[in-house]
Amino acid sequence: MSQFYALSLGGSSPLTPSCDCLAHRFENAADNGTRERRYPTDMTDAQWAAVRPLLPVPGRLEGRGGQPEAYCHRTMLDAIHYLVDNGTKWRAMPADFPPWDRVYAAGAITV
C-alpha cells in the first residue's frame, strides 16, 4: 500500500511557492513558476489541508522509479476543479494552469 502525505499546516499565501506539496518540496515543481490563486474553483487553504494527506506519495519518492514531478499537486487539482466546474474543453484551459495534457494525465490518475 502506498504511503500518504504527512499532514503539516503551514503559512498561506496567494502564490504557489509556499505550497507544501511533495512536488514543491522534493521534486521539480518550483521550476515551473508561480500561479496566483484567482479562480473561485481554487481550493482554500482549509480544503487543501483536508485533501493533502489523502494524496499518494509519488512513486519516485518511494523508490519505484519514474521522472520527478514537474507541477504542483495543488495547482493540478485546481485545474481539474476549474475544468469540471466550468465545463471547458481540455485545450481551452487558462494559460496559468499547467499544460492541458499534463492536467489530463493527472486527472486520469486522481479521478
PDB file of N, CA and C in Angstrom:
ATOM      1  N   MET A   1       0.843  -1.180   0.000  1.00  0.00           N
ATOM      2  CA  MET A   1       0.000   0.000   0.000  1.00  0.00           C
ATOM      3  C   MET A   1       0.888   1.242   0.000  1.00  0.00           C
ATOM      4  N   SER A   2       0.495   2.257  -0.724  1.00  0.00           N
ATOM      5  CA  SER A   2       1.259   3.492  -0.804  1.00  0.00           C
ATOM      6  C   SER A   2       1.200   4.267   0.498  1.00  0.00           C
ATOM      7  N   GLN A   3       2.266   4.965   0.743  1.00  0.00           N
ATOM      8  CA  GLN A   3       2.251   5.880   1.865  1.00  0.00           C
ATOM      9  C   GLN A   3       1.548   7.145   1.414  1.00  0.00           C
ATOM     10  N   PHE A   4       1.081   7.919   2.375  1.00  0.00           N
ATOM     11  CA  PHE A   4       0.394   9.153   2.051  1.00  0.00           C
ATOM     12  C   PHE A   4       1.125  10.314   2.689  1.00  0.00           C
ATOM     13  N   TYR A   5       0.812  11.509   2.222  1.00  0.00           N
ATOM     14  CA  TYR A   5       1.383  12.726   2.768  1.00  0.00           C
ATOM     15  C   TYR A   5       1.223  12.776   4.283  1.00  0.00           C
ATOM     16  N   ALA A   6       2.184  13.362   4.938  1.00  0.00           N
ATOM     17  CA  ALA A   6       2.013  13.657   6.363  1.00  0.00           C
ATOM     18  C   ALA A   6       1.362  15.032   6.456  1.00  0.00           C
ATOM     19  N   LEU A   7       0.421  15.189   7.344  1.00  0.00           N
ATOM     20  CA  LEU A   7      -0.284  16.455   7.472  1.00  0.00           C
ATOM     21  C   LEU A   7       0.562  17.455   8.231  1.00  0.00           C
ATOM     22  N   SER A   8       0.849  18.588   7.586  1.00  0.00           N
ATOM     23  CA  SER A   8       1.535  19.680   8.277  1.00  0.00           C
ATOM     24  C   SER A   8       0.973  20.973   7.737  1.00  0.00           C
ATOM     25  N   LEU A   9       0.445  21.765   8.609  1.00  0.00           N
ATOM     26  CA  LEU A   9      -0.158  23.024   8.203  1.00  0.00           C
ATOM     27  C   LEU A   9       0.878  24.118   8.305  1.00  0.00           C
ATOM     28  N   GLY A  10       1.038  24.871   7.221  1.00  0.00           N
ATOM     29  CA  GLY A  10       1.995  25.961   7.217  1.00  0.00           C
ATOM     30  C   GLY A  10       1.289  27.264   6.954  1.00  0.00           C
ATOM     31  N   GLY A  11       2.071  28.294   6.687  1.00  0.00           N
ATOM     32  CA  GLY A  11       1.511  29.598   6.370  1.00  0.00           C
ATOM     33  C   GLY A  11       0.807  29.566   5.031  1.00  0.00           C
ATOM     34  N   SER A  12       0.051  30.595   4.762  1.00  0.00           N
ATOM     35  CA  SER A  12      -0.665  30.628   3.495  1.00  0.00           C
ATOM     36  C   SER A  12      -0.277  31.868   2.708  1.00  0.00           C
ATOM     37  N   SER A  13      -0.408  31.755   1.418  1.00  0.00           N
ATOM     38  CA  SER A  13      -0.069  32.835   0.513  1.00  0.00           C
ATOM     39  C   SER A  13      -0.866  32.634  -0.764  1.00  0.00           C
ATOM     40  N   PRO A  14      -1.169  33.704  -1.506  1.00  0.00           N
ATOM     41  CA  PRO A  14      -1.909  33.509  -2.749  1.00  0.00           C
ATOM     42  C   PRO A  14      -1.050  32.910  -3.857  1.00  0.00           C
ATOM     43  N   LEU A  15       0.256  32.798  -3.676  1.00  0.00           N
ATOM     44  CA  LEU A  15       1.133  32.238  -4.692  1.00  0.00           C
ATOM     45  C   LEU A  15       1.564  30.830  -4.298  1.00  0.00           C
ATOM     46  N   THR A  16       1.858  30.004  -5.292  1.00  0.00           N
ATOM     47  CA  THR A  16       2.187  28.617  -5.013  1.00  0.00           C
ATOM     48  C   THR A  16       3.590  28.358  -4.466  1.00  0.00           C
ATOM     49  N   PRO A  17       4.586  29.282  -4.464  1.00  0.00           N
ATOM     50  CA  PRO A  17       5.891  28.906  -3.940  1.00  0.00           C
ATOM     51  C   PRO A  17       5.850  28.451  -2.487  1.00  0.00           C
ATOM     52  N   SER A  18       4.871  28.913  -1.728  1.00  0.00           N
ATOM     53  CA  SER A  18       4.765  28.488  -0.344  1.00  0.00           C
ATOM     54  C   SER A  18       4.019  27.165  -0.220  1.00  0.00           C
ATOM     55  N   CYS A  19       3.669  26.579  -1.333  1.00  0.00           N
ATOM     56  CA  CYS A  19       2.934  25.319  -1.320  1.00  0.00           C
ATOM     57  C   CYS A  19       3.766  24.241  -0.631  1.00  0.00           C
ATOM     58  N   ASP A  20       3.085  23.406   0.124  1.00  0.00           N
ATOM     59  CA  ASP A  20       3.779  22.354   0.855  1.00  0.00           C
ATOM     60  C   ASP A  20       3.583  20.981   0.216  1.00  0.00           C
ATOM     61  N   CYS A  21       3.236  20.948  -1.067  1.00  0.00           N
ATOM     62  CA  CYS A  21       3.065  19.664  -1.736  1.00  0.00           C
ATOM     63  C   CYS A  21       4.439  19.006  -1.935  1.00  0.00           C
ATOM     64  N   LEU A  22       4.436  17.703  -2.099  1.00  0.00           N
ATOM     65  CA  LEU A  22       5.697  16.984  -2.264  1.00  0.00           C
ATOM     66  C   LEU A  22       6.400  17.352  -3.558  1.00  0.00           C
ATOM     67  N   ALA A  23       5.657  17.755  -4.573  1.00  0.00           N
ATOM     68  CA  ALA A  23       6.278  18.163  -5.829  1.00  0.00           C
ATOM     69  C   ALA A  23       7.117  19.418  -5.638  1.00  0.00           C
ATOM     70  N   HIS A  24       6.699  20.310  -4.748  1.00  0.00           N
ATOM     71  CA  HIS A  24       7.493  21.502  -4.444  1.00  0.00           C
ATOM     72  C   HIS A  24       8.640  21.183  -3.499  1.00  0.00           C
ATOM     73  N   ARG A  25       8.402  20.323  -2.548  1.00  0.00           N
ATOM     74  CA  ARG A  25       9.423  20.048  -1.534  1.00  0.00           C
ATOM     75  C   ARG A  25      10.541  19.158  -2.044  1.00  0.00           C
ATOM     76  N   PHE A  26      10.228  18.148  -2.872  1.00  0.00           N
ATOM     77  CA  PHE A  26      11.245  17.168  -3.245  1.00  0.00           C
ATOM     78  C   PHE A  26      11.429  16.980  -4.747  1.00  0.00           C
ATOM     79  N   GLU A  27      10.610  17.586  -5.549  1.00  0.00           N
ATOM     80  CA  GLU A  27      10.654  17.360  -6.991  1.00  0.00           C
ATOM     81  C   GLU A  27      10.981  18.659  -7.722  1.00  0.00           C
ATOM     82  N   ASN A  28      10.532  18.807  -8.951  1.00  0.00           N
ATOM     83  CA  ASN A  28      10.885  19.940  -9.804  1.00  0.00           C
ATOM     84  C   ASN A  28       9.776  20.960  -9.986  1.00  0.00           C
ATOM     85  N   ALA A  29       8.751  20.961  -9.165  1.00  0.00           N
ATOM     86  CA  ALA A  29       7.618  21.861  -9.361  1.00  0.00           C
ATOM     87  C   ALA A  29       8.018  23.329  -9.284  1.00  0.00           C
ATOM     88  N   ALA A  30       9.006  23.652  -8.499  1.00  0.00           N
ATOM     89  CA  ALA A  30       9.430  25.048  -8.357  1.00  0.00           C
ATOM     90  C   ALA A  30      10.007  25.596  -9.655  1.00  0.00           C
ATOM     91  N   ASP A  31      10.404  24.731 -10.575  1.00  0.00           N
ATOM     92  CA  ASP A  31      10.974  25.170 -11.852  1.00  0.00           C
ATOM     93  C   ASP A  31       9.939  25.758 -12.799  1.00  0.00           C
ATOM     94  N   ASN A  32       8.654  25.550 -12.535  1.00  0.00           N
ATOM     95  CA  ASN A  32       7.604  25.962 -13.468  1.00  0.00           C
ATOM     96  C   ASN A  32       6.897  27.248 -13.084  1.00  0.00           C
ATOM     97  N   GLY A  33       7.526  28.063 -12.289  1.00  0.00           N
ATOM     98  CA  GLY A  33       6.959  29.374 -11.984  1.00  0.00           C
ATOM     99  C   GLY A  33       5.848  29.322 -10.960  1.00  0.00           C
ATOM    100  N   THR A  34       5.192  30.460 -10.816  1.00  0.00           N
ATOM    101  CA  THR A  34       4.155  30.592  -9.809  1.00  0.00           C
ATOM    102  C   THR A  34       2.808  30.856 -10.464  1.00  0.00           C
ATOM    103  N   ARG A  35       1.771  30.616  -9.708  1.00  0.00           N
ATOM    104  CA  ARG A  35       0.423  30.884 -10.196  1.00  0.00           C
ATOM    105  C   ARG A  35      -0.352  31.563  -9.087  1.00  0.00           C
ATOM    106  N   GLU A  36      -0.909  32.699  -9.405  1.00  0.00           N
ATOM    107  CA  GLU A  36      -1.744  33.400  -8.434  1.00  0.00           C
ATOM    108  C   GLU A  36      -3.082  32.700  -8.328  1.00  0.00           C
ATOM    109  N   ARG A  37      -3.571  32.560  -7.131  1.00  0.00           N
ATOM    110  CA  ARG A  37      -4.859  31.914  -6.900  1.00  0.00           C
ATOM    111  C   ARG A  37      -5.947  32.935  -7.206  1.00  0.00           C
ATOM    112  N   ARG A  38      -6.661  32.747  -8.320  1.00  0.00           N
ATOM    113  CA  ARG A  38      -7.601  33.772  -8.756  1.00  0.00           C
ATOM    114  C   ARG A  38      -8.993  33.270  -9.093  1.00  0.00           C
ATOM    115  N   TYR A  39      -9.190  31.988  -9.225  1.00  0.00           N
ATOM    116  CA  TYR A  39     -10.482  31.471  -9.660  1.00  0.00           C
ATOM    117  C   TYR A  39     -11.320  31.022  -8.462  1.00  0.00           C
ATOM    118  N   PRO A  40     -12.643  31.124  -8.569  1.00  0.00           N
ATOM    119  CA  PRO A  40     -13.487  30.676  -7.460  1.00  0.00           C
ATOM    120  C   PRO A  40     -13.365  29.171  -7.199  1.00  0.00           C
ATOM    121  N   THR A  41     -12.900  28.426  -8.182  1.00  0.00           N
ATOM    122  CA  THR A  41     -12.757  26.979  -8.010  1.00  0.00           C
ATOM    123  C   THR A  41     -11.444  26.595  -7.333  1.00  0.00           C
ATOM    124  N   ASP A  42     -10.531  27.535  -7.125  1.00  0.00           N
ATOM    125  CA  ASP A  42      -9.272  27.227  -6.448  1.00  0.00           C
ATOM    126  C   ASP A  42      -9.557  26.796  -5.012  1.00  0.00           C
ATOM    127  N   MET A  43      -8.829  25.796  -4.561  1.00  0.00           N
ATOM    128  CA  MET A  43      -9.015  25.305  -3.203  1.00  0.00           C
ATOM    129  C   MET A  43      -8.556  26.332  -2.176  1.00  0.00           C
ATOM    130  N   THR A  44      -9.301  26.434  -1.099  1.00  0.00           N
ATOM    131  CA  THR A  44      -8.883  27.269   0.018  1.00  0.00           C
ATOM    132  C   THR A  44      -7.792  26.521   0.783  1.00  0.00           C
ATOM    133  N   ASP A  45      -7.125  27.214   1.691  1.00  0.00           N
ATOM    134  CA  ASP A  45      -6.102  26.564   2.498  1.00  0.00           C
ATOM    135  C   ASP A  45      -6.701  25.448   3.353  1.00  0.00           C
ATOM    136  N   ALA A  46      -7.911  25.655   3.838  1.00  0.00           N
ATOM    137  CA  ALA A  46      -8.570  24.620   4.646  1.00  0.00           C
ATOM    138  C   ALA A  46      -8.893  23.383   3.804  1.00  0.00           C
ATOM    139  N   GLN A  47      -9.368  23.589   2.573  1.00  0.00           N
ATOM    140  CA  GLN A  47      -9.648  22.462   1.688  1.00  0.00           C
ATOM    141  C   GLN A  47      -8.363  21.717   1.344  1.00  0.00           C
ATOM    142  N   TRP A  48      -7.290  22.456   1.049  1.00  0.00           N
ATOM    143  CA  TRP A  48      -6.009  21.829   0.727  1.00  0.00           C
ATOM    144  C   TRP A  48      -5.501  21.026   1.930  1.00  0.00           C
ATOM    145  N   ALA A  49      -5.666  21.557   3.136  1.00  0.00           N
ATOM    146  CA  ALA A  49      -5.229  20.839   4.335  1.00  0.00           C
ATOM    147  C   ALA A  49      -5.993  19.526   4.498  1.00  0.00           C
ATOM    148  N   ALA A  50      -7.246  19.492   4.066  1.00  0.00           N
ATOM    149  CA  ALA A  50      -8.042  18.271   4.160  1.00  0.00           C
ATOM    150  C   ALA A  50      -7.679  17.266   3.068  1.00  0.00           C
ATOM    151  N   VAL A  51      -7.360  17.756   1.869  1.00  0.00           N
ATOM    152  CA  VAL A  51      -7.081  16.883   0.728  1.00  0.00           C
ATOM    153  C   VAL A  51      -5.638  16.386   0.732  1.00  0.00           C
ATOM    154  N   ARG A  52      -4.710  17.215   1.133  1.00  0.00           N
ATOM    155  CA  ARG A  52      -3.280  16.915   1.042  1.00  0.00           C
ATOM    156  C   ARG A  52      -2.889  15.562   1.643  1.00  0.00           C
ATOM    157  N   PRO A  53      -3.349  15.202   2.846  1.00  0.00           N
ATOM    158  CA  PRO A  53      -2.929  13.911   3.397  1.00  0.00           C
ATOM    159  C   PRO A  53      -3.510  12.703   2.667  1.00  0.00           C
ATOM    160  N   LEU A  54      -4.495  12.915   1.800  1.00  0.00           N
ATOM    161  CA  LEU A  54      -5.114  11.814   1.072  1.00  0.00           C
ATOM    162  C   LEU A  54      -4.390  11.482  -0.231  1.00  0.00           C
ATOM    163  N   LEU A  55      -3.488  12.366  -0.669  1.00  0.00           N
ATOM    164  CA  LEU A  55      -2.770  12.144  -1.922  1.00  0.00           C
ATOM    165  C   LEU A  55      -1.647  11.129  -1.717  1.00  0.00           C
ATOM    166  N   PRO A  56      -1.482  10.211  -2.661  1.00  0.00           N
ATOM    167  CA  PRO A  56      -0.402   9.237  -2.523  1.00  0.00           C
ATOM    168  C   PRO A  56       0.964   9.888  -2.766  1.00  0.00           C
ATOM    169  N   VAL A  57       1.978   9.315  -2.161  1.00  0.00           N
ATOM    170  CA  VAL A  57       3.348   9.774  -2.370  1.00  0.00           C
ATOM    171  C   VAL A  57       3.769   9.348  -3.774  1.00  0.00           C
ATOM    172  N   PRO A  58       4.426  10.252  -4.540  1.00  0.00           N
ATOM    173  CA  PRO A  58       4.892   9.866  -5.877  1.00  0.00           C
ATOM    174  C   PRO A  58       5.788   8.630  -5.821  1.00  0.00           C
ATOM    175  N   GLY A  59       5.641   7.750  -6.803  1.00  0.00           N
ATOM    176  CA  GLY A  59       6.395   6.501  -6.841  1.00  0.00           C
ATOM    177  C   GLY A  59       7.901   6.698  -6.790  1.00  0.00           C
ATOM    178  N   ARG A  60       8.380   7.750  -7.390  1.00  0.00           N
ATOM    179  CA  ARG A  60       9.818   8.019  -7.408  1.00  0.00           C
ATOM    180  C   ARG A  60      10.363   8.232  -6.004  1.00  0.00           C
ATOM    181  N   LEU A  61       9.562   8.841  -5.123  1.00  0.00           N
ATOM    182  CA  LEU A  61       9.997   9.080  -3.757  1.00  0.00           C
ATOM    183  C   LEU A  61       9.947   7.808  -2.911  1.00  0.00           C
ATOM    184  N   GLU A  62       9.265   6.796  -3.393  1.00  0.00           N
ATOM    185  CA  GLU A  62       9.207   5.512  -2.692  1.00  0.00           C
ATOM    186  C   GLU A  62      10.156   4.493  -3.303  1.00  0.00           C
ATOM    187  N   GLY A  63      11.011   4.952  -4.234  1.00  0.00           N
ATOM    188  CA  GLY A  63      11.999   4.058  -4.828  1.00  0.00           C
ATOM    189  C   GLY A  63      11.479   3.212  -5.970  1.00  0.00           C
ATOM    190  N   ARG A  64      10.307   3.557  -6.532  1.00  0.00           N
ATOM    191  CA  ARG A  64       9.748   2.781  -7.643  1.00  0.00           C
ATOM    192  C   ARG A  64      10.139   3.347  -8.994  1.00  0.00           C
ATOM    193  N   GLY A  65      10.954   4.390  -9.016  1.00  0.00           N
ATOM    194  CA  GLY A  65      11.401   4.964 -10.283  1.00  0.00           C
ATOM    195  C   GLY A  65      10.428   5.971 -10.841  1.00  0.00           C
ATOM    196  N   GLY A  66      10.749   6.449 -12.016  1.00  0.00           N
ATOM    197  CA  GLY A  66       9.932   7.448 -12.675  1.00  0.00           C
ATOM    198  C   GLY A  66      10.617   8.793 -12.700  1.00  0.00           C
ATOM    199  N   GLN A  67      10.002   9.723 -13.405  1.00  0.00           N
ATOM    200  CA  GLN A  67      10.561  11.059 -13.514  1.00  0.00           C
ATOM    201  C   GLN A  67      10.075  11.936 -12.364  1.00  0.00           C
ATOM    202  N   PRO A  68      10.875  12.952 -12.014  1.00  0.00           N
ATOM    203  CA  PRO A  68      10.417  13.895 -10.980  1.00  0.00           C
ATOM    204  C   PRO A  68       9.149  14.613 -11.440  1.00  0.00           C
ATOM    205  N   GLU A  69       8.263  14.862 -10.512  1.00  0.00           N
ATOM    206  CA  GLU A  69       7.030  15.564 -10.856  1.00  0.00           C
ATOM    207  C   GLU A  69       7.335  17.034 -11.081  1.00  0.00           C
ATOM    208  N   ALA A  70       6.815  17.572 -12.166  1.00  0.00           N
ATOM    209  CA  ALA A  70       7.170  18.928 -12.582  1.00  0.00           C
ATOM    210  C   ALA A  70       6.137  19.981 -12.209  1.00  0.00           C
ATOM    211  N   TYR A  71       4.971  19.585 -11.739  1.00  0.00           N
ATOM    212  CA  TYR A  71       3.915  20.553 -11.451  1.00  0.00           C
ATOM    213  C   TYR A  71       3.373  20.355 -10.048  1.00  0.00           C
ATOM    214  N   CYS A  72       2.995  21.456  -9.452  1.00  0.00           N
ATOM    215  CA  CYS A  72       2.449  21.482  -8.099  1.00  0.00           C
ATOM    216  C   CYS A  72       1.158  20.659  -8.026  1.00  0.00           C
ATOM    217  N   HIS A  73       1.050  19.828  -7.006  1.00  0.00           N
ATOM    218  CA  HIS A  73      -0.137  18.993  -6.853  1.00  0.00           C
ATOM    219  C   HIS A  73      -1.386  19.836  -6.622  1.00  0.00           C
ATOM    220  N   ARG A  74      -1.258  20.887  -5.839  1.00  0.00           N
ATOM    221  CA  ARG A  74      -2.411  21.753  -5.578  1.00  0.00           C
ATOM    222  C   ARG A  74      -2.864  22.450  -6.857  1.00  0.00           C
ATOM    223  N   THR A  75      -1.928  22.905  -7.675  1.00  0.00           N
ATOM    224  CA  THR A  75      -2.278  23.556  -8.936  1.00  0.00           C
ATOM    225  C   THR A  75      -2.956  22.573  -9.884  1.00  0.00           C
ATOM    226  N   MET A  76      -2.493  21.341  -9.902  1.00  0.00           N
ATOM    227  CA  MET A  76      -3.115  20.325 -10.764  1.00  0.00           C
ATOM    228  C   MET A  76      -4.564  20.069 -10.327  1.00  0.00           C
ATOM    229  N   LEU A  77      -4.788  19.967  -9.022  1.00  0.00           N
ATOM    230  CA  LEU A  77      -6.156  19.767  -8.538  1.00  0.00           C
ATOM    231  C   LEU A  77      -7.025  20.988  -8.815  1.00  0.00           C
ATOM    232  N   ASP A  78      -6.455  22.186  -8.681  1.00  0.00           N
ATOM    233  CA  ASP A  78      -7.202  23.405  -9.014  1.00  0.00           C
ATOM    234  C   ASP A  78      -7.600  23.405 -10.485  1.00  0.00           C
ATOM    235  N   ALA A  79      -6.716  22.955 -11.354  1.00  0.00           N
ATOM    236  CA  ALA A  79      -7.020  22.904 -12.787  1.00  0.00           C
ATOM    237  C   ALA A  79      -8.149  21.917 -13.075  1.00  0.00           C
ATOM    238  N   ILE A  80      -8.128  20.774 -12.407  1.00  0.00           N
ATOM    239  CA  ILE A  80      -9.199  19.787 -12.593  1.00  0.00           C
ATOM    240  C   ILE A  80     -10.526  20.344 -12.076  1.00  0.00           C
ATOM    241  N   HIS A  81     -10.498  21.005 -10.914  1.00  0.00           N
ATOM    242  CA  HIS A  81     -11.729  21.626 -10.394  1.00  0.00           C
ATOM    243  C   HIS A  81     -12.253  22.688 -11.351  1.00  0.00           C
ATOM    244  N   TYR A  82     -11.360  23.494 -11.923  1.00  0.00           N
ATOM    245  CA  TYR A  82     -11.757  24.522 -12.877  1.00  0.00           C
ATOM    246  C   TYR A  82     -12.452  23.884 -14.082  1.00  0.00           C
ATOM    247  N   LEU A  83     -11.865  22.842 -14.609  1.00  0.00           N
ATOM    248  CA  LEU A  83     -12.413  22.175 -15.786  1.00  0.00           C
ATOM    249  C   LEU A  83     -13.791  21.584 -15.496  1.00  0.00           C
ATOM    250  N   VAL A  84     -13.920  20.905 -14.372  1.00  0.00           N
ATOM    251  CA  VAL A  84     -15.191  20.261 -14.020  1.00  0.00           C
ATOM    252  C   VAL A  84     -16.274  21.308 -13.757  1.00  0.00           C
ATOM    253  N   ASP A  85     -15.924  22.367 -13.046  1.00  0.00           N
ATOM    254  CA  ASP A  85     -16.903  23.389 -12.701  1.00  0.00           C
ATOM    255  C   ASP A  85     -17.362  24.192 -13.917  1.00  0.00           C
ATOM    256  N   ASN A  86     -16.435  24.529 -14.787  1.00  0.00           N
ATOM    257  CA  ASN A  86     -16.767  25.391 -15.922  1.00  0.00           C
ATOM    258  C   ASN A  86     -17.115  24.642 -17.196  1.00  0.00           C
ATOM    259  N   GLY A  87     -16.850  23.353 -17.238  1.00  0.00           N
ATOM    260  CA  GLY A  87     -17.197  22.565 -18.414  1.00  0.00           C
ATOM    261  C   GLY A  87     -16.441  22.958 -19.671  1.00  0.00           C
ATOM    262  N   THR A  88     -15.243  23.484 -19.510  1.00  0.00           N
ATOM    263  CA  THR A  88     -14.453  23.869 -20.679  1.00  0.00           C
ATOM    264  C   THR A  88     -13.813  22.643 -21.314  1.00  0.00           C
ATOM    265  N   LYS A  89     -13.286  22.847 -22.492  1.00  0.00           N
ATOM    266  CA  LYS A  89     -12.538  21.788 -23.157  1.00  0.00           C
ATOM    267  C   LYS A  89     -11.129  21.753 -22.570  1.00  0.00           C
ATOM    268  N   TRP A  90     -10.506  20.587 -22.613  1.00  0.00           N
ATOM    269  CA  TRP A  90      -9.156  20.444 -22.066  1.00  0.00           C
ATOM    270  C   TRP A  90      -8.203  21.473 -22.661  1.00  0.00           C
ATOM    271  N   ARG A  91      -8.255  21.625 -23.965  1.00  0.00           N
ATOM    272  CA  ARG A  91      -7.311  22.521 -24.638  1.00  0.00           C
ATOM    273  C   ARG A  91      -7.639  24.001 -24.439  1.00  0.00           C
ATOM    274  N   ALA A  92      -8.774  24.301 -23.838  1.00  0.00           N
ATOM    275  CA  ALA A  92      -9.173  25.689 -23.609  1.00  0.00           C
ATOM    276  C   ALA A  92      -8.931  26.132 -22.167  1.00  0.00           C
ATOM    277  N   MET A  93      -8.135  25.387 -21.438  1.00  0.00           N
ATOM    278  CA  MET A  93      -7.844  25.771 -20.049  1.00  0.00           C
ATOM    279  C   MET A  93      -6.993  27.033 -20.033  1.00  0.00           C
ATOM    280  N   PRO A  94      -7.162  27.887 -19.020  1.00  0.00           N
ATOM    281  CA  PRO A  94      -6.362  29.113 -18.937  1.00  0.00           C
ATOM    282  C   PRO A  94      -4.862  28.804 -18.914  1.00  0.00           C
ATOM    283  N   ALA A  95      -4.095  29.732 -19.427  1.00  0.00           N
ATOM    284  CA  ALA A  95      -2.650  29.539 -19.570  1.00  0.00           C
ATOM    285  C   ALA A  95      -1.912  29.527 -18.239  1.00  0.00           C
ATOM    286  N   ASP A  96      -2.523  29.994 -17.157  1.00  0.00           N
ATOM    287  CA  ASP A  96      -1.799  29.985 -15.882  1.00  0.00           C
ATOM    288  C   ASP A  96      -1.834  28.622 -15.194  1.00  0.00           C
ATOM    289  N   PHE A  97      -2.573  27.666 -15.753  1.00  0.00           N
ATOM    290  CA  PHE A  97      -2.527  26.288 -15.271  1.00  0.00           C
ATOM    291  C   PHE A  97      -1.433  25.546 -16.038  1.00  0.00           C
ATOM    292  N   PRO A  98      -1.015  24.373 -15.535  1.00  0.00           N
ATOM    293  CA  PRO A  98      -0.057  23.568 -16.303  1.00  0.00           C
ATOM    294  C   PRO A  98      -0.649  23.181 -17.663  1.00  0.00           C
ATOM    295  N   PRO A  99       0.177  22.717 -18.598  1.00  0.00           N
ATOM    296  CA  PRO A  99      -0.336  22.312 -19.920  1.00  0.00           C
ATOM    297  C   PRO A  99      -1.484  21.307 -19.792  1.00  0.00           C
ATOM    298  N   TRP A 100      -2.456  21.435 -20.674  1.00  0.00           N
ATOM    299  CA  TRP A 100      -3.672  20.633 -20.579  1.00  0.00           C
ATOM    300  C   TRP A 100      -3.382  19.135 -20.577  1.00  0.00           C
ATOM    301  N   ASP A 101      -2.383  18.683 -21.345  1.00  0.00           N
ATOM    302  CA  ASP A 101      -2.127  17.249 -21.416  1.00  0.00           C
ATOM    303  C   ASP A 101      -1.567  16.705 -20.103  1.00  0.00           C
ATOM    304  N   ARG A 102      -0.850  17.518 -19.356  1.00  0.00           N
ATOM    305  CA  ARG A 102      -0.341  17.101 -18.038  1.00  0.00           C
ATOM    306  C   ARG A 102      -1.484  17.049 -17.026  1.00  0.00           C
ATOM    307  N   VAL A 103      -2.397  18.015 -17.090  1.00  0.00           N
ATOM    308  CA  VAL A 103      -3.560  18.015 -16.197  1.00  0.00           C
ATOM    309  C   VAL A 103      -4.468  16.831 -16.540  1.00  0.00           C
ATOM    310  N   TYR A 104      -4.634  16.545 -17.827  1.00  0.00           N
ATOM    311  CA  TYR A 104      -5.446  15.407 -18.268  1.00  0.00           C
ATOM    312  C   TYR A 104      -4.870  14.106 -17.711  1.00  0.00           C
ATOM    313  N   ALA A 105      -3.547  13.956 -17.808  1.00  0.00           N
ATOM    314  CA  ALA A 105      -2.899  12.739 -17.293  1.00  0.00           C
ATOM    315  C   ALA A 105      -3.084  12.627 -15.777  1.00  0.00           C
ATOM    316  N   ALA A 106      -2.959  13.726 -15.059  1.00  0.00           N
ATOM    317  CA  ALA A 106      -3.147  13.708 -13.614  1.00  0.00           C
ATOM    318  C   ALA A 106      -4.607  13.423 -13.270  1.00  0.00           C
ATOM    319  N   GLY A 107      -5.526  13.963 -14.061  1.00  0.00           N
ATOM    320  CA  GLY A 107      -6.957  13.725 -13.823  1.00  0.00           C
ATOM    321  C   GLY A 107      -7.336  12.286 -14.019  1.00  0.00           C
ATOM    322  N   ALA A 108      -6.697  11.627 -14.977  1.00  0.00           N
ATOM    323  CA  ALA A 108      -6.985  10.222 -15.222  1.00  0.00           C
ATOM    324  C   ALA A 108      -6.521   9.359 -14.049  1.00  0.00           C
ATOM    325  N   ILE A 109      -5.485   9.838 -13.341  1.00  0.00           N
ATOM    326  CA  ILE A 109      -4.965   9.098 -12.200  1.00  0.00           C
ATOM    327  C   ILE A 109      -5.764   9.408 -10.947  1.00  0.00           C
ATOM    328  N   THR A 110      -6.115  10.689 -10.744  1.00  0.00           N
ATOM    329  CA  THR A 110      -6.747  11.112  -9.495  1.00  0.00           C
ATOM    330  C   THR A 110      -8.238  10.837  -9.459  1.00  0.00           C
ATOM    331  N   VAL A 111      -8.906  10.977 -10.586  1.00  0.00           N
ATOM    332  CA  VAL A 111     -10.365  10.895 -10.584  1.00  0.00           C
ATOM    333  C   VAL A 111     -10.832   9.466 -10.605  1.00  0.00           C
TER     334      VAL A 111
END
